Amino acid sequence: MEGMHRRTTVLLRPEEDQALRAASRAEGRSQSELIRRGIAIVTAPYRGARRPRVGWLKLSRREIAAILRDSLGDPDA
């Protein structure tokens, strides 16, 4: 990646850590790259940039929100 980067820490529950490791192995991508992709999807509506695409799949804001609710739940609610 190019440009400036900022390090941060993300605390994961054990099941999230296991799923991230499995996804990383399956896709052949680093855990950091997968986390950055997730952040890009969640923050797309707030950046004013084009919505990121995952392969051939284009998601609307409503679809992204539905996926996040179904997949992650809302622990802060």
Protein backbone atom coordinates (compact mmCIF):
# COMPACT_ATOMS: atom_id res chain seq x y z
CA MET A 1 0.00 0.00 0.00
CA GLU A 2 1.08 3.55 -0.57
CA GLY A 3 0.78 6.65 1.52
CA MET A 4 0.80 7.21 5.23
CA HIS A 5 -0.37 4.54 7.64
CA ARG A 6 -1.39 4.67 11.27
CA ARG A 7 -1.07 1.69 13.55
CA THR A 8 -4.00 0.79 15.75
CA THR A 9 -5.16 -2.10 17.89
CA VAL A 10 -8.37 -4.02 17.37
CA LEU A 11 -9.69 -6.23 20.14
CA LEU A 12 -11.38 -9.37 18.81
CA ARG A 13 -13.52 -11.92 20.54
CA PRO A 14 -12.18 -15.48 20.21
CA GLU A 15 -14.78 -16.42 17.57
CA GLU A 16 -13.94 -13.30 15.55
CA ASP A 17 -10.24 -14.12 15.74
CA GLN A 18 -10.86 -17.69 14.53
CA ALA A 19 -13.05 -16.49 11.66
CA LEU A 20 -10.50 -13.84 10.63
CA ARG A 21 -7.68 -16.41 10.63
CA ALA A 22 -9.78 -18.84 8.56
CA ALA A 23 -10.73 -16.11 6.07
CA SER A 24 -7.10 -15.03 5.79
CA ARG A 25 -5.97 -18.57 5.00
CA ALA A 26 -8.82 -19.22 2.58
CA GLU A 27 -8.31 -15.99 0.62
CA GLY A 28 -4.53 -15.96 0.80
CA ARG A 29 -4.56 -12.41 2.15
CA SER A 30 -3.22 -10.93 5.36
CA GLN A 31 -5.51 -10.34 8.31
CA SER A 32 -4.67 -6.63 8.09
CA GLU A 33 -5.79 -6.50 4.47
CA LEU A 34 -9.10 -8.18 5.32
CA ILE A 35 -9.68 -5.74 8.19
CA ARG A 36 -8.91 -2.78 5.88
CA ARG A 37 -11.40 -4.14 3.32
CA GLY A 38 -14.06 -4.38 6.03
CA ILE A 39 -13.35 -0.83 7.16
CA ALA A 40 -13.61 0.38 3.55
CA ILE A 41 -17.05 -1.22 3.20
CA VAL A 42 -18.37 0.20 6.47
CA THR A 43 -17.00 3.71 5.92
CA ALA A 44 -17.80 4.05 2.19
CA PRO A 45 -20.98 6.12 2.76
CA TYR A 46 -19.01 8.60 4.88
CA ARG A 47 -16.01 9.06 2.58
CA GLY A 48 -17.89 10.40 -0.43
CA ALA A 49 -15.89 8.04 -2.61
CA ARG A 50 -17.18 5.24 -4.79
CA ARG A 51 -18.57 2.32 -2.84
CA PRO A 52 -15.99 -0.50 -2.68
CA ARG A 53 -16.84 -3.68 -4.53
CA VAL A 54 -16.09 -7.21 -3.45
CA GLY A 55 -15.31 -9.00 -6.69
CA TRP A 56 -18.39 -8.88 -8.91
CA LEU A 57 -20.71 -7.99 -6.04
CA LYS A 58 -21.90 -4.38 -5.69
CA LEU A 59 -23.68 -3.57 -2.44
CA SER A 60 -25.99 -0.68 -1.59
CA ARG A 61 -25.82 1.03 1.80
CA ARG A 62 -28.98 -0.82 2.84
CA GLU A 63 -27.49 -4.20 1.81
CA ILE A 64 -24.24 -3.48 3.64
CA ALA A 65 -26.15 -2.51 6.78
CA ALA A 66 -28.28 -5.67 6.56
CA ILE A 67 -25.19 -7.87 6.17
CA LEU A 68 -23.47 -6.21 9.11
CA ARG A 69 -26.57 -6.61 11.31
CA ASP A 70 -26.98 -10.26 10.35
CA SER A 71 -23.29 -11.19 10.50
CA LEU A 72 -22.04 -9.11 13.41
CA GLY A 73 -25.10 -8.20 15.41
CA ASP A 74 -25.03 -4.92 17.27
CA PRO A 75 -23.21 -5.44 20.59
CA ASP A 76 -23.40 -1.71 21.40
CA ALA A 77 -27.18 -1.53 21.13
